[in-house]
């Protein structure tokens, strides 16, 4: 249960980081 929660959290964090990188990339291109 705890392991499943940990893997879900890490997956969410990776997805969040990916979204931030994409936003930064788009913002950098718009400048």
PDB file of N, CA and C in Angstrom:
ATOM      1  N   UNK A   1       0.832  -1.205   0.000  1.00  0.00           N
ATOM      2  CA  UNK A   1       0.000   0.000   0.000  1.00  0.00           C
ATOM      3  C   UNK A   1       0.865   1.254   0.000  1.00  0.00           C
ATOM      4  N   UNK A   2       1.805   1.303   0.942  1.00  0.00           N
ATOM      5  CA  UNK A   2       2.688   2.469   1.055  1.00  0.00           C
ATOM      6  C   UNK A   2       3.584   2.577  -0.175  1.00  0.00           C
ATOM      7  N   UNK A   3       4.038   1.430  -0.667  1.00  0.00           N
ATOM      8  CA  UNK A   3       4.895   1.414  -1.855  1.00  0.00           C
ATOM      9  C   UNK A   3       4.124   1.934  -3.069  1.00  0.00           C
ATOM     10  N   UNK A   4       2.857   1.528  -3.160  1.00  0.00           N
ATOM     11  CA  UNK A   4       2.006   1.972  -4.262  1.00  0.00           C
ATOM     12  C   UNK A   4       1.814   3.480  -4.197  1.00  0.00           C
ATOM     13  N   UNK A   5       1.601   3.989  -2.987  1.00  0.00           N
ATOM     14  CA  UNK A   5       1.420   5.425  -2.783  1.00  0.00           C
ATOM     15  C   UNK A   5       2.690   6.175  -3.165  1.00  0.00           C
ATOM     16  N   UNK A   6       3.845   5.610  -2.794  1.00  0.00           N
ATOM     17  CA  UNK A   6       5.131   6.237  -3.105  1.00  0.00           C
ATOM     18  C   UNK A   6       5.353   6.294  -4.617  1.00  0.00           C
ATOM     19  N   UNK A   7       5.050   5.202  -5.309  1.00  0.00           N
ATOM     20  CA  UNK A   7       5.239   5.167  -6.762  1.00  0.00           C
ATOM     21  C   UNK A   7       4.294   6.152  -7.436  1.00  0.00           C
ATOM     22  N   UNK A   8       3.082   6.282  -6.900  1.00  0.00           N
ATOM     23  CA  UNK A   8       2.105   7.227  -7.451  1.00  0.00           C
ATOM     24  C   UNK A   8       2.599   8.657  -7.249  1.00  0.00           C
ATOM     25  N   UNK A   9       3.149   8.941  -6.074  1.00  0.00           N
ATOM     26  CA  UNK A   9       3.660  10.283  -5.773  1.00  0.00           C
ATOM     27  C   UNK A   9       4.837  10.622  -6.676  1.00  0.00           C
ATOM     28  N   UNK A  10       5.748   9.690  -6.860  1.00  0.00           N
ATOM     29  CA  UNK A  10       6.921   9.943  -7.698  1.00  0.00           C
ATOM     30  C   UNK A  10       6.504  10.140  -9.153  1.00  0.00           C
ATOM     31  N   UNK A  11       5.486   9.382  -9.577  1.00  0.00           N
ATOM     32  CA  UNK A  11       4.991   9.522 -10.944  1.00  0.00           C
ATOM     33  C   UNK A  11       4.352  10.898 -11.121  1.00  0.00           C
ATOM     34  N   UNK A  12       3.609  11.338 -10.099  1.00  0.00           N
ATOM     35  CA  UNK A  12       2.967  12.649 -10.134  1.00  0.00           C
ATOM     36  C   UNK A  12       4.016  13.748 -10.170  1.00  0.00           C
ATOM     37  N   UNK A  13       5.086  13.586  -9.378  1.00  0.00           N
ATOM     38  CA  UNK A  13       6.153  14.581  -9.345  1.00  0.00           C
ATOM     39  C   UNK A  13       6.874  14.653 -10.688  1.00  0.00           C
ATOM     40  N   UNK A  14       7.107  13.499 -11.293  1.00  0.00           N
ATOM     41  CA  UNK A  14       7.773  13.472 -12.600  1.00  0.00           C
ATOM     42  C   UNK A  14       6.904  14.161 -13.643  1.00  0.00           C
ATOM     43  N   UNK A  15       5.590  13.900 -13.587  1.00  0.00           N
ATOM     44  CA  UNK A  15       4.660  14.519 -14.528  1.00  0.00           C
ATOM     45  C   UNK A  15       4.640  16.031 -14.322  1.00  0.00           C
ATOM     46  N   UNK A  16       4.646  16.448 -13.048  1.00  0.00           N
ATOM     47  CA  UNK A  16       4.645  17.870 -12.712  1.00  0.00           C
ATOM     48  C   UNK A  16       5.906  18.541 -13.247  1.00  0.00           C
ATOM     49  N   UNK A  17       7.052  17.883 -13.055  1.00  0.00           N
ATOM     50  CA  UNK A  17       8.331  18.414 -13.521  1.00  0.00           C
ATOM     51  C   UNK A  17       8.325  18.527 -15.043  1.00  0.00           C
ATOM     52  N   UNK A  18       7.750  17.521 -15.704  1.00  0.00           N
ATOM     53  CA  UNK A  18       7.669  17.528 -17.161  1.00  0.00           C
ATOM     54  C   UNK A  18       6.822  18.702 -17.637  1.00  0.00           C
ATOM     55  N   UNK A  19       5.699  18.953 -16.965  1.00  0.00           N
ATOM     56  CA  UNK A  19       4.827  20.070 -17.331  1.00  0.00           C
ATOM     57  C   UNK A  19       5.547  21.397 -17.152  1.00  0.00           C
ATOM     58  N   UNK A  20       6.314  21.518 -16.070  1.00  0.00           N
ATOM     59  CA  UNK A  20       7.070  22.752 -15.811  1.00  0.00           C
ATOM     60  C   UNK A  20       8.118  22.961 -16.905  1.00  0.00           C
ATOM     61  N   UNK A  21       8.802  21.889 -17.292  1.00  0.00           N
ATOM     62  CA  UNK A  21       9.812  21.988 -18.346  1.00  0.00           C
ATOM     63  C   UNK A  21       9.180  22.406 -19.667  1.00  0.00           C
ATOM     64  N   UNK A  22       8.011  21.834 -19.980  1.00  0.00           N
ATOM     65  CA  UNK A  22       7.308  22.187 -21.219  1.00  0.00           C
ATOM     66  C   UNK A  22       6.895  23.650 -21.193  1.00  0.00           C
ATOM     67  N   UNK A  23       6.374  24.116 -20.061  1.00  0.00           N
ATOM     68  CA  UNK A  23       5.964  25.517 -19.932  1.00  0.00           C
ATOM     69  C   UNK A  23       7.161  26.445 -20.084  1.00  0.00           C
ATOM     70  N   UNK A  24       8.279  26.087 -19.465  1.00  0.00           N
ATOM     71  CA  UNK A  24       9.493  26.898 -19.570  1.00  0.00           C
ATOM     72  C   UNK A  24       9.968  26.938 -21.022  1.00  0.00           C
ATOM     73  N   UNK A  25       9.887  25.794 -21.712  1.00  0.00           N
ATOM     74  CA  UNK A  25      10.310  25.705 -23.106  1.00  0.00           C
ATOM     75  C   UNK A  25       9.436  26.601 -23.979  1.00  0.00           C
ATOM     76  N   UNK A  26       8.113  26.536 -23.770  1.00  0.00           N
ATOM     77  CA  UNK A  26       7.179  27.355 -24.549  1.00  0.00           C
ATOM     78  C   UNK A  26       7.384  28.831 -24.254  1.00  0.00           C
ATOM     79  N   UNK A  27       7.597  29.155 -22.980  1.00  0.00           N
ATOM     80  CA  UNK A  27       7.811  30.541 -22.581  1.00  0.00           C
ATOM     81  C   UNK A  27       9.106  31.075 -23.192  1.00  0.00           C
ATOM     82  N   UNK A  28      10.131  30.232 -23.213  1.00  0.00           N
ATOM     83  CA  UNK A  28      11.416  30.625 -23.787  1.00  0.00           C
ATOM     84  C   UNK A  28      11.305  30.858 -25.290  1.00  0.00           C
ATOM     85  N   UNK A  29      10.479  30.052 -25.961  1.00  0.00           N
ATOM     86  CA  UNK A  29      10.289  30.213 -27.405  1.00  0.00           C
ATOM     87  C   UNK A  29       9.496  31.464 -27.734  1.00  0.00           C
ATOM     88  N   UNK A  30       8.588  31.865 -26.835  1.00  0.00           N
ATOM     89  CA  UNK A  30       7.740  33.033 -27.094  1.00  0.00           C
ATOM     90  C   UNK A  30       8.496  34.348 -26.905  1.00  0.00           C
ATOM     91  N   UNK A  31       9.647  34.307 -26.232  1.00  0.00           N
ATOM     92  CA  UNK A  31      10.408  35.537 -26.002  1.00  0.00           C
ATOM     93  C   UNK A  31      11.074  36.022 -27.292  1.00  0.00           C
TER      94      UNK A  31
END
